[in-house]
Protein backbone atom coordinates (compact mmCIF):
# COMPACT_ATOMS: atom_id res chain seq x y z
CA MET A 1 -181.43 -44.22 -97.26
CA THR A 2 -183.52 -47.39 -97.23
CA LYS A 3 -183.35 -50.03 -94.55
CA GLY A 4 -181.71 -52.47 -96.97
CA TYR A 5 -178.82 -50.10 -97.68
CA VAL A 6 -178.34 -49.39 -93.97
CA LEU A 7 -178.13 -53.12 -93.27
CA LYS A 8 -175.70 -53.66 -96.13
CA ASP A 9 -173.42 -50.82 -94.98
CA SER A 10 -173.60 -52.10 -91.40
CA ASN A 11 -172.61 -55.60 -92.51
CA ALA A 12 -169.71 -54.21 -94.54
CA ARG A 13 -168.40 -52.24 -91.54
CA LEU A 14 -168.73 -55.26 -89.26
CA GLY A 15 -167.03 -57.46 -91.85
CA ILE A 16 -164.12 -55.04 -92.16
CA MET A 17 -163.73 -54.87 -88.38
CA LEU A 18 -163.76 -58.67 -88.19
CA MET A 19 -161.20 -58.96 -90.99
CA VAL A 20 -158.83 -56.51 -89.29
CA SER A 21 -159.26 -58.46 -86.04
CA THR A 22 -158.57 -61.68 -87.92
CA THR A 23 -155.34 -60.31 -89.37
CA PHE A 24 -154.18 -59.22 -85.92
CA VAL A 25 -154.80 -62.69 -84.49
CA PHE A 26 -153.02 -64.34 -87.42
CA ALA A 27 -150.08 -61.92 -87.02
CA MET A 28 -149.86 -62.96 -83.35
CA GLN A 29 -149.87 -66.57 -84.53
CA ASP A 30 -146.97 -65.84 -86.88
CA GLY A 31 -144.98 -64.13 -84.13
CA ILE A 32 -145.45 -67.06 -81.74
CA SER A 33 -144.61 -69.50 -84.54
CA ARG A 34 -141.38 -67.59 -85.21
CA HIS A 35 -140.42 -67.86 -81.53
CA LEU A 36 -141.22 -71.56 -81.17
CA ALA A 37 -139.68 -72.58 -84.50
CA GLY A 38 -136.51 -70.80 -83.43
CA GLU A 39 -136.32 -73.14 -80.43
CA TYR A 40 -137.83 -76.40 -81.73
CA ASN A 41 -138.24 -78.29 -84.99
CA VAL A 42 -140.76 -76.62 -87.33
CA LEU A 43 -142.52 -79.92 -88.12
CA MET A 44 -143.12 -80.64 -84.44
CA VAL A 45 -144.51 -77.15 -83.81
CA VAL A 46 -146.93 -77.37 -86.75
CA MET A 47 -147.92 -80.93 -85.79
CA ILE A 48 -149.04 -79.91 -82.29
CA ARG A 49 -150.84 -76.88 -83.69
CA TYR A 50 -152.72 -79.12 -86.13
CA TRP A 51 -153.81 -81.53 -83.39
CA PHE A 52 -155.72 -78.67 -81.81
CA PHE A 53 -156.92 -77.39 -85.19
CA ALA A 54 -158.31 -80.81 -86.14
CA ALA A 55 -160.17 -80.99 -82.81
CA PHE A 56 -161.55 -77.51 -83.49
CA VAL A 57 -162.84 -78.27 -87.01
CA THR A 58 -164.35 -81.54 -85.80
CA ALA A 59 -166.19 -79.72 -83.01
CA VAL A 60 -167.45 -77.12 -85.50
CA ALA A 61 -168.59 -79.85 -87.91
CA ALA A 62 -170.41 -81.73 -85.13
CA ARG A 63 -172.53 -78.64 -84.39
CA LYS A 64 -173.60 -78.16 -88.01
CA ALA A 65 -176.69 -79.74 -89.56
CA GLY A 66 -175.89 -83.32 -90.48
CA GLY A 67 -172.89 -83.43 -88.17
CA ILE A 68 -169.50 -84.86 -89.04
CA ARG A 69 -170.91 -87.22 -91.67
CA ALA A 70 -172.27 -84.29 -93.68
CA ALA A 71 -169.06 -82.27 -93.30
CA ALA A 72 -166.92 -85.20 -94.49
CA SER A 73 -169.12 -85.91 -97.51
CA THR A 74 -167.42 -84.91 -100.76
CA SER A 75 -167.36 -86.03 -104.38
CA GLN A 76 -163.71 -85.00 -104.78
CA PRO A 77 -161.74 -86.52 -101.88
CA TRP A 78 -158.40 -86.50 -103.72
CA VAL A 79 -158.56 -82.79 -104.49
CA GLN A 80 -159.65 -82.03 -100.93
CA SER A 81 -156.80 -84.14 -99.55
CA PHE A 82 -154.26 -82.47 -101.84
CA ARG A 83 -155.54 -79.04 -100.72
CA ALA A 84 -155.10 -79.96 -97.08
CA VAL A 85 -151.58 -81.34 -97.53
CA LEU A 86 -150.61 -78.35 -99.66
CA LEU A 87 -151.74 -75.92 -96.96
CA VAL A 88 -149.93 -77.68 -94.14
CA ALA A 89 -146.77 -77.83 -96.27
CA GLU A 90 -147.14 -74.11 -97.03
CA ILE A 91 -147.42 -73.35 -93.31
CA CYS A 92 -144.18 -75.25 -92.65
CA VAL A 93 -142.39 -73.37 -95.43
CA ALA A 94 -143.74 -70.02 -94.21
CA ILE A 95 -142.64 -70.61 -90.60
CA TRP A 96 -139.23 -71.74 -91.81
CA GLY A 97 -139.05 -68.44 -93.68
CA PHE A 98 -139.87 -66.55 -90.47
CA THR A 99 -136.87 -68.11 -88.74
CA VAL A 100 -134.50 -67.49 -91.65
CA LEU A 101 -135.62 -64.06 -92.90
CA GLY A 102 -137.83 -62.72 -90.11
CA LEU A 103 -141.45 -61.58 -90.13
CA VAL A 104 -140.92 -58.30 -92.01
CA GLU A 105 -139.25 -59.61 -95.14
CA SER A 106 -141.22 -62.87 -95.21
CA HIS A 107 -144.54 -61.05 -95.13
CA ALA A 108 -143.33 -58.43 -97.60
CA VAL A 109 -142.72 -61.09 -100.27
CA PHE A 110 -145.72 -63.22 -99.25
CA ALA A 111 -147.98 -60.22 -99.92
CA CYS A 112 -147.77 -61.07 -103.62
CA TYR A 113 -150.04 -64.14 -103.26
CA PRO A 114 -153.19 -62.34 -104.56
CA LEU A 115 -151.24 -61.51 -107.73
CA LEU A 116 -150.26 -65.16 -108.09
CA ILE A 117 -153.91 -66.17 -107.67
CA ALA A 118 -154.88 -63.75 -110.43
CA ALA A 119 -152.10 -65.04 -112.69
CA LEU A 120 -152.95 -68.72 -112.13
CA SER A 121 -156.75 -68.38 -112.20
CA GLY A 122 -156.67 -68.77 -115.98
CA PRO A 123 -154.77 -72.06 -116.30
CA VAL A 124 -156.20 -73.58 -113.09
CA LEU A 125 -159.84 -72.42 -113.17
CA GLY A 126 -160.24 -71.30 -116.76
CA GLU A 127 -161.09 -67.74 -115.71
CA SER A 128 -160.43 -64.78 -117.96
CA VAL A 129 -157.68 -62.38 -116.88
CA GLY A 130 -157.76 -59.03 -118.71
CA TRP A 131 -154.80 -56.91 -119.69
CA ARG A 132 -155.29 -54.53 -116.78
CA ARG A 133 -154.91 -57.30 -114.23
CA TRP A 134 -151.92 -58.70 -116.14
CA ALA A 135 -150.38 -55.23 -115.97
CA ALA A 136 -150.99 -55.12 -112.20
CA ILE A 137 -149.39 -58.57 -111.86
CA GLY A 138 -146.34 -57.34 -113.76
CA VAL A 139 -146.07 -54.24 -111.57
CA GLY A 140 -146.38 -56.39 -108.45
CA PHE A 141 -143.50 -58.55 -109.53
CA VAL A 142 -141.40 -55.43 -110.03
CA GLY A 143 -142.03 -54.87 -106.32
CA ILE A 144 -140.78 -58.39 -105.55
CA VAL A 145 -137.60 -57.75 -107.53
CA ILE A 146 -137.04 -54.54 -105.57
CA ILE A 147 -137.37 -56.46 -102.30
CA LEU A 148 -135.12 -59.35 -103.34
CA GLN A 149 -132.48 -57.11 -104.98
CA PRO A 150 -130.96 -59.70 -107.33
CA GLY A 151 -127.61 -58.68 -108.77
CA TYR A 152 -126.73 -56.22 -105.99
CA GLY A 153 -124.50 -58.54 -103.98
CA VAL A 154 -127.00 -58.86 -101.12
CA PHE A 155 -129.42 -61.41 -102.58
CA GLN A 156 -129.87 -64.51 -100.43
CA PRO A 157 -131.22 -67.76 -101.86
CA ALA A 158 -133.27 -67.95 -98.65
CA ALA A 159 -135.27 -64.95 -99.88
CA ILE A 160 -137.01 -67.35 -102.27
CA ILE A 161 -138.63 -69.18 -99.31
CA PRO A 162 -141.57 -66.75 -98.81
CA LEU A 163 -142.07 -66.62 -102.59
CA VAL A 164 -142.45 -70.40 -102.66
CA SER A 165 -144.81 -70.11 -99.69
CA ALA A 166 -146.90 -67.50 -101.54
CA LEU A 167 -147.07 -69.70 -104.64
CA MET A 168 -148.23 -72.68 -102.57
CA PHE A 169 -150.86 -70.57 -100.79
CA ALA A 170 -152.10 -69.15 -104.09
CA LEU A 171 -152.54 -72.66 -105.49
CA TYR A 172 -154.32 -73.67 -102.27
CA GLY A 173 -156.67 -70.69 -102.67
CA LEU A 174 -157.45 -71.61 -106.28
CA LEU A 175 -158.13 -75.24 -105.36
CA THR A 176 -160.42 -74.02 -102.58
CA ARG A 177 -162.41 -72.08 -105.18
CA TYR A 178 -162.39 -75.16 -107.43
CA VAL A 179 -163.83 -77.55 -104.80
CA ALA A 180 -166.35 -74.87 -103.75
CA ARG A 181 -168.19 -75.55 -107.02
CA THR A 182 -169.59 -78.74 -105.47
CA ASP A 183 -168.53 -78.79 -101.79
CA SER A 184 -169.66 -76.52 -98.97
CA ALA A 185 -167.26 -74.33 -97.01
CA ALA A 186 -167.89 -76.57 -93.97
CA THR A 187 -166.70 -79.61 -95.94
CA SER A 188 -163.52 -77.89 -97.14
CA PHE A 189 -162.82 -76.64 -93.61
CA PHE A 190 -163.26 -80.15 -92.17
CA TRP A 191 -160.96 -81.78 -94.72
CA THR A 192 -158.35 -79.03 -94.28
CA GLY A 193 -158.07 -79.68 -90.56
CA THR A 194 -158.37 -83.46 -90.38
CA VAL A 195 -156.26 -84.46 -93.39
CA GLY A 196 -153.70 -81.79 -92.49
CA MET A 197 -153.46 -83.23 -88.98
CA VAL A 198 -152.85 -86.76 -90.29
CA ALA A 199 -150.20 -85.52 -92.75
CA MET A 200 -148.40 -83.46 -90.10
CA THR A 201 -148.47 -86.28 -87.55
CA LEU A 202 -146.86 -88.64 -90.06
CA ALA A 203 -144.18 -86.04 -90.82
CA GLY A 204 -143.67 -84.47 -87.38
CA MET A 205 -143.70 -87.45 -85.01
CA TRP A 206 -140.10 -88.26 -86.01
CA PHE A 207 -138.90 -84.87 -84.76
CA TRP A 208 -140.39 -84.81 -81.27
CA GLU A 209 -138.25 -83.09 -78.66
CA PRO A 210 -138.91 -82.07 -75.04
CA MET A 211 -140.42 -78.63 -74.63
CA ARG A 212 -139.76 -76.31 -71.73
CA ALA A 213 -142.72 -75.44 -69.48
CA PRO A 214 -142.93 -71.75 -70.52
CA ASP A 215 -142.96 -72.74 -74.18
CA TRP A 216 -145.91 -75.05 -73.61
CA GLY A 217 -147.75 -71.89 -72.63
CA TRP A 218 -146.73 -70.29 -75.92
CA MET A 219 -147.78 -73.46 -77.75
CA GLY A 220 -151.19 -73.29 -76.10
CA LEU A 221 -151.53 -69.66 -77.19
CA LEU A 222 -150.45 -70.64 -80.72
CA CYS A 223 -153.23 -73.23 -80.87
CA LEU A 224 -155.80 -70.74 -79.57
CA THR A 225 -154.78 -68.03 -82.04
CA GLY A 226 -154.93 -70.54 -84.90
CA ALA A 227 -158.44 -71.68 -84.03
CA GLY A 228 -159.54 -68.16 -83.07
CA GLY A 229 -158.25 -66.67 -86.31
CA HIS A 230 -160.11 -69.21 -88.42
CA TYR A 231 -163.28 -68.68 -86.38
CA LEU A 232 -163.07 -64.90 -86.94
CA LEU A 233 -162.45 -65.49 -90.64
CA ILE A 234 -165.55 -67.67 -90.91
CA LYS A 235 -167.62 -64.98 -89.18
CA THR A 236 -166.13 -62.32 -91.48
CA TYR A 237 -167.35 -64.09 -94.61
CA GLU A 238 -170.72 -64.78 -93.00
CA VAL A 239 -171.52 -61.09 -92.58
CA ALA A 240 -169.84 -59.46 -95.59
CA GLU A 241 -168.88 -60.18 -99.19
CA ALA A 242 -165.33 -61.40 -99.76
CA SER A 243 -164.68 -58.66 -102.33
CA VAL A 244 -165.43 -56.02 -99.67
CA VAL A 245 -163.25 -57.36 -96.87
CA GLN A 246 -160.40 -59.07 -98.73
CA PRO A 247 -158.30 -55.91 -99.30
CA PHE A 248 -158.15 -55.45 -95.52
CA ALA A 249 -156.29 -58.77 -95.24
CA TYR A 250 -153.14 -56.70 -95.92
CA PHE A 251 -153.32 -55.51 -92.33
CA GLN A 252 -151.64 -58.80 -91.41
CA LEU A 253 -148.53 -57.48 -93.16
CA VAL A 254 -148.67 -54.32 -91.04
CA PHE A 255 -149.23 -56.12 -87.73
CA ALA A 256 -146.58 -58.78 -88.43
CA SER A 257 -144.04 -56.13 -89.42
CA VAL A 258 -144.67 -54.17 -86.21
CA MET A 259 -144.18 -57.36 -84.17
CA GLY A 260 -141.00 -58.14 -86.08
CA VAL A 261 -139.55 -54.70 -85.33
CA ILE A 262 -140.64 -54.48 -81.68
CA LEU A 263 -140.27 -58.08 -80.51
CA PHE A 264 -137.51 -59.48 -82.72
CA ASP A 265 -135.40 -56.36 -83.43
CA GLU A 266 -135.95 -56.63 -87.18
CA VAL A 267 -135.34 -53.69 -89.49
CA ILE A 268 -137.55 -52.46 -92.33
CA ARG A 269 -135.06 -51.68 -95.11
CA SER A 270 -135.97 -48.99 -97.63
CA ASN A 271 -136.11 -51.40 -100.58
CA VAL A 272 -138.48 -53.66 -98.61
CA ALA A 273 -140.78 -50.73 -97.81
CA ILE A 274 -140.82 -49.54 -101.45
CA GLY A 275 -141.30 -53.03 -102.89
CA THR A 276 -144.05 -53.88 -100.42
CA THR A 277 -145.92 -50.66 -101.23
CA ILE A 278 -145.83 -51.54 -104.93
CA ILE A 279 -147.01 -55.12 -104.29
CA VAL A 280 -149.89 -54.03 -102.05
CA ALA A 281 -151.00 -51.35 -104.52
CA ALA A 282 -150.99 -53.88 -107.36
CA GLY A 283 -152.87 -56.38 -105.21
CA LEU A 284 -155.54 -53.85 -104.29
CA PHE A 285 -155.95 -53.02 -107.97
CA THR A 286 -156.52 -56.70 -108.83
CA PHE A 287 -159.15 -56.93 -106.07
CA TRP A 288 -160.87 -53.85 -107.50
CA ARG A 289 -160.79 -55.20 -111.06
CA GLU A 290 -162.17 -58.56 -109.94
CA ARG A 291 -165.00 -56.82 -108.12
CA GLN A 292 -165.73 -54.68 -111.19
CA ALA A 293 -165.78 -57.77 -113.40
CA ARG A 294 -168.27 -59.46 -111.10
């Protein structure tokens, strides 16, 4: 084996390890968010989290070549701003879903977002989606139907919340790919944090309520896991190709489900397990097809 192949394999292994670590940190973030949003207004919780996130992205931008001025420079400020607001709105919807449905069922439905990206990549980005990927998308949505169980007397309208969250996140992901045609990742990261912070402050400042001392500790940990997760994600994509590590993002579903069962006494129902397995399998197939196409 040549030195080049050894280096490539080593980078892939490191990237996979970093991605799994990232998903664990993000799952911790979701668990803490579920706890805090159960005690306080969701908008206030996300607002405080974004104050720290904005400080983090600003500090990262200041250390890059060209500093904050270079990071803020973009030829498409309206698209970048819409991306940022869309993401922060998606986070609010997702956390609301955690409090209503729990981590297990929310993440089970949210796992369909790669299928939504594949489905929307044609109309949004003009990309070609072959019949095999359309078939995988169809199979994935069969999994969603199994989870939601419409027509069986147990369907809750609230079960739509994580599906809306997944749709918003998919659109955010597609817009991120769209702006990446002209803007650097550092620029997108900077706009995501700063514009999101402004939007959340305008929305959340009306819902401020006193927080108990122990919960300020949880809030501090929420801020650290948010910044730490994004830092790990940046490092992941620095050392390995996205197509190699992206399938391992499904570990967040596993970690979040374990936390839901152990910490919040949630139950993994059989239809949720079956539907999630179908969704993940379909999502992995779309990743594989995209990699083959490239």
